[in-house]
Amino acid sequence: RNHLHIDLAAVLADLSPELRRVVELLQCMSATQAARELGVPRRTFREKHLAQLHAIFKAKGLDQYLS
């Protein structure tokens, strides 16, 4: 669990401010709500933000935590 916390902190530190905001929103709301909060369509949110986050987490070996 401590390793996960350290790994997540490292990934978050490397994110752009926009993607960091997405992660913050997803911690307390659904993807639909986060898309609405950002003012983007759900499809755009999935294809842009979630796809980028998935690629980043996968590259860092943390993609199992995205489900």
PDB file of N, CA and C in Angstrom:
ATOM      1  N   ARG A   1       0.829  -1.201   0.000  1.00  0.00           N
ATOM      2  CA  ARG A   1       0.000   0.000   0.000  1.00  0.00           C
ATOM      3  C   ARG A   1       0.870   1.261   0.000  1.00  0.00           C
ATOM      4  N   ASN A   2       1.937   1.245   0.759  1.00  0.00           N
ATOM      5  CA  ASN A   2       2.851   2.393   0.774  1.00  0.00           C
ATOM      6  C   ASN A   2       3.501   2.600  -0.580  1.00  0.00           C
ATOM      7  N   HIS A   3       3.853   1.485  -1.238  1.00  0.00           N
ATOM      8  CA  HIS A   3       4.453   1.582  -2.566  1.00  0.00           C
ATOM      9  C   HIS A   3       3.469   2.192  -3.555  1.00  0.00           C
ATOM     10  N   LEU A   4       2.217   1.793  -3.455  1.00  0.00           N
ATOM     11  CA  LEU A   4       1.196   2.342  -4.333  1.00  0.00           C
ATOM     12  C   LEU A   4       1.073   3.848  -4.130  1.00  0.00           C
ATOM     13  N   HIS A   5       1.063   4.274  -2.887  1.00  0.00           N
ATOM     14  CA  HIS A   5       0.964   5.706  -2.585  1.00  0.00           C
ATOM     15  C   HIS A   5       2.147   6.474  -3.180  1.00  0.00           C
ATOM     16  N   ILE A   6       3.321   5.932  -3.057  1.00  0.00           N
ATOM     17  CA  ILE A   6       4.522   6.572  -3.600  1.00  0.00           C
ATOM     18  C   ILE A   6       4.465   6.604  -5.123  1.00  0.00           C
ATOM     19  N   ASP A   7       4.065   5.475  -5.728  1.00  0.00           N
ATOM     20  CA  ASP A   7       3.965   5.410  -7.188  1.00  0.00           C
ATOM     21  C   ASP A   7       2.926   6.388  -7.717  1.00  0.00           C
ATOM     22  N   LEU A   8       1.787   6.456  -7.059  1.00  0.00           N
ATOM     23  CA  LEU A   8       0.741   7.394  -7.487  1.00  0.00           C
ATOM     24  C   LEU A   8       1.200   8.832  -7.346  1.00  0.00           C
ATOM     25  N   ALA A   9       1.870   9.150  -6.273  1.00  0.00           N
ATOM     26  CA  ALA A   9       2.370  10.515  -6.068  1.00  0.00           C
ATOM     27  C   ALA A   9       3.345  10.898  -7.179  1.00  0.00           C
ATOM     28  N   ALA A  10       4.192   9.965  -7.582  1.00  0.00           N
ATOM     29  CA  ALA A  10       5.150  10.234  -8.656  1.00  0.00           C
ATOM     30  C   ALA A  10       4.435  10.472  -9.974  1.00  0.00           C
ATOM     31  N   VAL A  11       3.424   9.661 -10.271  1.00  0.00           N
ATOM     32  CA  VAL A  11       2.666   9.842 -11.512  1.00  0.00           C
ATOM     33  C   VAL A  11       1.945  11.186 -11.489  1.00  0.00           C
ATOM     34  N   LEU A  12       1.276  11.496 -10.400  1.00  0.00           N
ATOM     35  CA  LEU A  12       0.526  12.752 -10.299  1.00  0.00           C
ATOM     36  C   LEU A  12       1.440  13.965 -10.440  1.00  0.00           C
ATOM     37  N   ALA A  13       2.627  13.882  -9.904  1.00  0.00           N
ATOM     38  CA  ALA A  13       3.563  15.002  -9.980  1.00  0.00           C
ATOM     39  C   ALA A  13       3.979  15.289 -11.420  1.00  0.00           C
ATOM     40  N   ASP A  14       3.960  14.265 -12.257  1.00  0.00           N
ATOM     41  CA  ASP A  14       4.366  14.421 -13.656  1.00  0.00           C
ATOM     42  C   ASP A  14       3.226  14.828 -14.587  1.00  0.00           C
ATOM     43  N   LEU A  15       1.999  14.824 -14.087  1.00  0.00           N
ATOM     44  CA  LEU A  15       0.851  15.161 -14.931  1.00  0.00           C
ATOM     45  C   LEU A  15       0.775  16.658 -15.205  1.00  0.00           C
ATOM     46  N   SER A  16       0.162  16.972 -16.326  1.00  0.00           N
ATOM     47  CA  SER A  16      -0.126  18.375 -16.623  1.00  0.00           C
ATOM     48  C   SER A  16      -1.177  18.855 -15.628  1.00  0.00           C
ATOM     49  N   PRO A  17      -1.262  20.158 -15.413  1.00  0.00           N
ATOM     50  CA  PRO A  17      -2.297  20.672 -14.504  1.00  0.00           C
ATOM     51  C   PRO A  17      -3.707  20.229 -14.912  1.00  0.00           C
ATOM     52  N   GLU A  18      -3.965  20.150 -16.203  1.00  0.00           N
ATOM     53  CA  GLU A  18      -5.280  19.730 -16.678  1.00  0.00           C
ATOM     54  C   GLU A  18      -5.578  18.287 -16.281  1.00  0.00           C
ATOM     55  N   LEU A  19      -4.624  17.392 -16.501  1.00  0.00           N
ATOM     56  CA  LEU A  19      -4.848  15.994 -16.147  1.00  0.00           C
ATOM     57  C   LEU A  19      -4.869  15.791 -14.639  1.00  0.00           C
ATOM     58  N   ARG A  20      -4.095  16.571 -13.919  1.00  0.00           N
ATOM     59  CA  ARG A  20      -4.128  16.495 -12.457  1.00  0.00           C
ATOM     60  C   ARG A  20      -5.519  16.872 -11.948  1.00  0.00           C
ATOM     61  N   ARG A  21      -6.128  17.877 -12.573  1.00  0.00           N
ATOM     62  CA  ARG A  21      -7.490  18.285 -12.214  1.00  0.00           C
ATOM     63  C   ARG A  21      -8.480  17.159 -12.500  1.00  0.00           C
ATOM     64  N   VAL A  22      -8.299  16.474 -13.617  1.00  0.00           N
ATOM     65  CA  VAL A  22      -9.166  15.344 -13.953  1.00  0.00           C
ATOM     66  C   VAL A  22      -9.080  14.276 -12.864  1.00  0.00           C
ATOM     67  N   VAL A  23      -7.873  13.956 -12.438  1.00  0.00           N
ATOM     68  CA  VAL A  23      -7.684  12.953 -11.390  1.00  0.00           C
ATOM     69  C   VAL A  23      -8.370  13.403 -10.106  1.00  0.00           C
ATOM     70  N   GLU A  24      -8.214  14.663  -9.757  1.00  0.00           N
ATOM     71  CA  GLU A  24      -8.859  15.185  -8.546  1.00  0.00           C
ATOM     72  C   GLU A  24     -10.377  15.036  -8.632  1.00  0.00           C
ATOM     73  N   LEU A  25     -10.936  15.355  -9.788  1.00  0.00           N
ATOM     74  CA  LEU A  25     -12.379  15.243  -9.966  1.00  0.00           C
ATOM     75  C   LEU A  25     -12.833  13.790  -9.876  1.00  0.00           C
ATOM     76  N   LEU A  26     -12.079  12.888 -10.477  1.00  0.00           N
ATOM     77  CA  LEU A  26     -12.460  11.474 -10.484  1.00  0.00           C
ATOM     78  C   LEU A  26     -12.365  10.825  -9.108  1.00  0.00           C
ATOM     79  N   GLN A  27     -11.685  11.465  -8.195  1.00  0.00           N
ATOM     80  CA  GLN A  27     -11.602  10.927  -6.838  1.00  0.00           C
ATOM     81  C   GLN A  27     -12.908  11.107  -6.080  1.00  0.00           C
ATOM     82  N   CYS A  28     -13.739  12.032  -6.530  1.00  0.00           N
ATOM     83  CA  CYS A  28     -14.964  12.310  -5.782  1.00  0.00           C
ATOM     84  C   CYS A  28     -16.226  12.324  -6.638  1.00  0.00           C
ATOM     85  N   MET A  29     -16.099  12.040  -7.933  1.00  0.00           N
ATOM     86  CA  MET A  29     -17.283  12.026  -8.787  1.00  0.00           C
ATOM     87  C   MET A  29     -17.089  11.081  -9.959  1.00  0.00           C
ATOM     88  N   SER A  30     -18.187  10.783 -10.618  1.00  0.00           N
ATOM     89  CA  SER A  30     -18.141   9.893 -11.781  1.00  0.00           C
ATOM     90  C   SER A  30     -17.513  10.604 -12.970  1.00  0.00           C
ATOM     91  N   ALA A  31     -17.181   9.823 -13.999  1.00  0.00           N
ATOM     92  CA  ALA A  31     -16.624  10.401 -15.221  1.00  0.00           C
ATOM     93  C   ALA A  31     -17.626  11.348 -15.872  1.00  0.00           C
ATOM     94  N   THR A  32     -18.899  10.992 -15.826  1.00  0.00           N
ATOM     95  CA  THR A  32     -19.934  11.865 -16.395  1.00  0.00           C
ATOM     96  C   THR A  32     -19.975  13.199 -15.667  1.00  0.00           C
ATOM     97  N   GLN A  33     -19.928  13.153 -14.355  1.00  0.00           N
ATOM     98  CA  GLN A  33     -19.938  14.386 -13.571  1.00  0.00           C
ATOM     99  C   GLN A  33     -18.664  15.206 -13.803  1.00  0.00           C
ATOM    100  N   ALA A  34     -17.525  14.528 -13.913  1.00  0.00           N
ATOM    101  CA  ALA A  34     -16.263  15.225 -14.150  1.00  0.00           C
ATOM    102  C   ALA A  34     -16.281  15.915 -15.515  1.00  0.00           C
ATOM    103  N   ALA A  35     -16.805  15.236 -16.520  1.00  0.00           N
ATOM    104  CA  ALA A  35     -16.910  15.841 -17.856  1.00  0.00           C
ATOM    105  C   ALA A  35     -17.785  17.087 -17.795  1.00  0.00           C
ATOM    106  N   ARG A  36     -18.892  16.981 -17.093  1.00  0.00           N
ATOM    107  CA  ARG A  36     -19.793  18.119 -16.946  1.00  0.00           C
ATOM    108  C   ARG A  36     -19.076  19.278 -16.222  1.00  0.00           C
ATOM    109  N   GLU A  37     -18.336  18.949 -15.182  1.00  0.00           N
ATOM    110  CA  GLU A  37     -17.601  19.965 -14.416  1.00  0.00           C
ATOM    111  C   GLU A  37     -16.577  20.685 -15.294  1.00  0.00           C
ATOM    112  N   LEU A  38     -15.956  19.935 -16.207  1.00  0.00           N
ATOM    113  CA  LEU A  38     -14.956  20.516 -17.103  1.00  0.00           C
ATOM    114  C   LEU A  38     -15.582  21.180 -18.328  1.00  0.00           C
ATOM    115  N   GLY A  39     -16.874  20.947 -18.514  1.00  0.00           N
ATOM    116  CA  GLY A  39     -17.566  21.555 -19.648  1.00  0.00           C
ATOM    117  C   GLY A  39     -17.261  20.908 -20.984  1.00  0.00           C
ATOM    118  N   VAL A  40     -16.991  19.604 -20.957  1.00  0.00           N
ATOM    119  CA  VAL A  40     -16.712  18.876 -22.200  1.00  0.00           C
ATOM    120  C   VAL A  40     -17.694  17.716 -22.332  1.00  0.00           C
ATOM    121  N   PRO A  41     -17.990  17.304 -23.554  1.00  0.00           N
ATOM    122  CA  PRO A  41     -18.849  16.134 -23.737  1.00  0.00           C
ATOM    123  C   PRO A  41     -18.193  14.883 -23.142  1.00  0.00           C
ATOM    124  N   ARG A  42     -19.027  13.942 -22.712  1.00  0.00           N
ATOM    125  CA  ARG A  42     -18.500  12.702 -22.118  1.00  0.00           C
ATOM    126  C   ARG A  42     -17.578  11.970 -23.082  1.00  0.00           C
ATOM    127  N   ARG A  43     -17.940  11.939 -24.351  1.00  0.00           N
ATOM    128  CA  ARG A  43     -17.101  11.239 -25.330  1.00  0.00           C
ATOM    129  C   ARG A  43     -15.719  11.881 -25.426  1.00  0.00           C
ATOM    130  N   THR A  44     -15.682  13.190 -25.471  1.00  0.00           N
ATOM    131  CA  THR A  44     -14.404  13.913 -25.503  1.00  0.00           C
ATOM    132  C   THR A  44     -13.607  13.622 -24.244  1.00  0.00           C
ATOM    133  N   PHE A  45     -14.293  13.629 -23.116  1.00  0.00           N
ATOM    134  CA  PHE A  45     -13.635  13.348 -21.838  1.00  0.00           C
ATOM    135  C   PHE A  45     -13.003  11.958 -21.861  1.00  0.00           C
ATOM    136  N   ARG A  46     -13.761  10.972 -22.331  1.00  0.00           N
ATOM    137  CA  ARG A  46     -13.234   9.599 -22.397  1.00  0.00           C
ATOM    138  C   ARG A  46     -12.078   9.489 -23.375  1.00  0.00           C
ATOM    139  N   GLU A  47     -12.262  10.060 -24.559  1.00  0.00           N
ATOM    140  CA  GLU A  47     -11.258   9.899 -25.616  1.00  0.00           C
ATOM    141  C   GLU A  47     -10.005  10.728 -25.374  1.00  0.00           C
ATOM    142  N   LYS A  48     -10.144  11.830 -24.709  1.00  0.00           N
ATOM    143  CA  LYS A  48      -8.989  12.694 -24.475  1.00  0.00           C
ATOM    144  C   LYS A  48      -8.385  12.437 -23.093  1.00  0.00           C
ATOM    145  N   HIS A  49      -9.110  12.791 -22.073  1.00  0.00           N
ATOM    146  CA  HIS A  49      -8.561  12.755 -20.710  1.00  0.00           C
ATOM    147  C   HIS A  49      -8.346  11.334 -20.195  1.00  0.00           C
ATOM    148  N   LEU A  50      -9.381  10.511 -20.265  1.00  0.00           N
ATOM    149  CA  LEU A  50      -9.245   9.155 -19.731  1.00  0.00           C
ATOM    150  C   LEU A  50      -8.251   8.328 -20.530  1.00  0.00           C
ATOM    151  N   ALA A  51      -8.236   8.503 -21.830  1.00  0.00           N
ATOM    152  CA  ALA A  51      -7.276   7.763 -22.654  1.00  0.00           C
ATOM    153  C   ALA A  51      -5.837   8.171 -22.317  1.00  0.00           C
ATOM    154  N   GLN A  52      -5.614   9.451 -22.116  1.00  0.00           N
ATOM    155  CA  GLN A  52      -4.267   9.919 -21.745  1.00  0.00           C
ATOM    156  C   GLN A  52      -3.859   9.358 -20.391  1.00  0.00           C
ATOM    157  N   LEU A  53      -4.773   9.418 -19.425  1.00  0.00           N
ATOM    158  CA  LEU A  53      -4.457   8.893 -18.092  1.00  0.00           C
ATOM    159  C   LEU A  53      -4.174   7.394 -18.153  1.00  0.00           C
ATOM    160  N   HIS A  54      -4.976   6.680 -18.910  1.00  0.00           N
ATOM    161  CA  HIS A  54      -4.757   5.248 -19.022  1.00  0.00           C
ATOM    162  C   HIS A  54      -3.376   4.957 -19.609  1.00  0.00           C
ATOM    163  N   ALA A  55      -3.003   5.671 -20.649  1.00  0.00           N
ATOM    164  CA  ALA A  55      -1.688   5.468 -21.271  1.00  0.00           C
ATOM    165  C   ALA A  55      -0.558   5.774 -20.295  1.00  0.00           C
ATOM    166  N   ILE A  56      -0.705   6.833 -19.527  1.00  0.00           N
ATOM    167  CA  ILE A  56       0.329   7.206 -18.558  1.00  0.00           C
ATOM    168  C   ILE A  56       0.447   6.149 -17.466  1.00  0.00           C
ATOM    169  N   PHE A  57      -0.701   5.737 -16.906  1.00  0.00           N
ATOM    170  CA  PHE A  57      -0.675   4.725 -15.850  1.00  0.00           C
ATOM    171  C   PHE A  57      -0.125   3.402 -16.388  1.00  0.00           C
ATOM    172  N   LYS A  58      -0.493   3.039 -17.606  1.00  0.00           N
ATOM    173  CA  LYS A  58       0.002   1.799 -18.197  1.00  0.00           C
ATOM    174  C   LYS A  58       1.512   1.857 -18.379  1.00  0.00           C
ATOM    175  N   ALA A  59       2.013   2.983 -18.860  1.00  0.00           N
ATOM    176  CA  ALA A  59       3.457   3.147 -19.063  1.00  0.00           C
ATOM    177  C   ALA A  59       4.228   3.031 -17.752  1.00  0.00           C
ATOM    178  N   LYS A  60       3.584   3.415 -16.654  1.00  0.00           N
ATOM    179  CA  LYS A  60       4.222   3.338 -15.333  1.00  0.00           C
ATOM    180  C   LYS A  60       3.950   2.010 -14.634  1.00  0.00           C
ATOM    181  N   GLY A  61       3.225   1.121 -15.318  1.00  0.00           N
ATOM    182  CA  GLY A  61       2.922  -0.188 -14.727  1.00  0.00           C
ATOM    183  C   GLY A  61       1.825  -0.152 -13.694  1.00  0.00           C
ATOM    184  N   LEU A  62       0.994   0.880 -13.719  1.00  0.00           N
ATOM    185  CA  LEU A  62      -0.065   1.028 -12.713  1.00  0.00           C
ATOM    186  C   LEU A  62      -1.461   0.907 -13.306  1.00  0.00           C
ATOM    187  N   ASP A  63      -1.575   0.383 -14.511  1.00  0.00           N
ATOM    188  CA  ASP A  63      -2.875   0.342 -15.170  1.00  0.00           C
ATOM    189  C   ASP A  63      -3.891  -0.551 -14.464  1.00  0.00           C
ATOM    190  N   GLN A  64      -3.447  -1.490 -13.623  1.00  0.00           N
ATOM    191  CA  GLN A  64      -4.397  -2.336 -12.909  1.00  0.00           C
ATOM    192  C   GLN A  64      -5.236  -1.537 -11.908  1.00  0.00           C
ATOM    193  N   TYR A  65      -4.815  -0.333 -11.581  1.00  0.00           N
ATOM    194  CA  TYR A  65      -5.559   0.489 -10.631  1.00  0.00           C
ATOM    195  C   TYR A  65      -6.598   1.375 -11.313  1.00  0.00           C
ATOM    196  N   LEU A  66      -6.732   1.289 -12.622  1.00  0.00           N
ATOM    197  CA  LEU A  66      -7.668   2.136 -13.347  1.00  0.00           C
ATOM    198  C   LEU A  66      -9.057   1.532 -13.462  1.00  0.00           C
ATOM    199  N   SER A  67      -9.228   0.282 -13.165  1.00  0.00           N
ATOM    200  CA  SER A  67     -10.543  -0.328 -13.339  1.00  0.00           C
ATOM    201  C   SER A  67     -11.463  -0.047 -12.177  1.00  0.00           C
TER     202      SER A  67
END
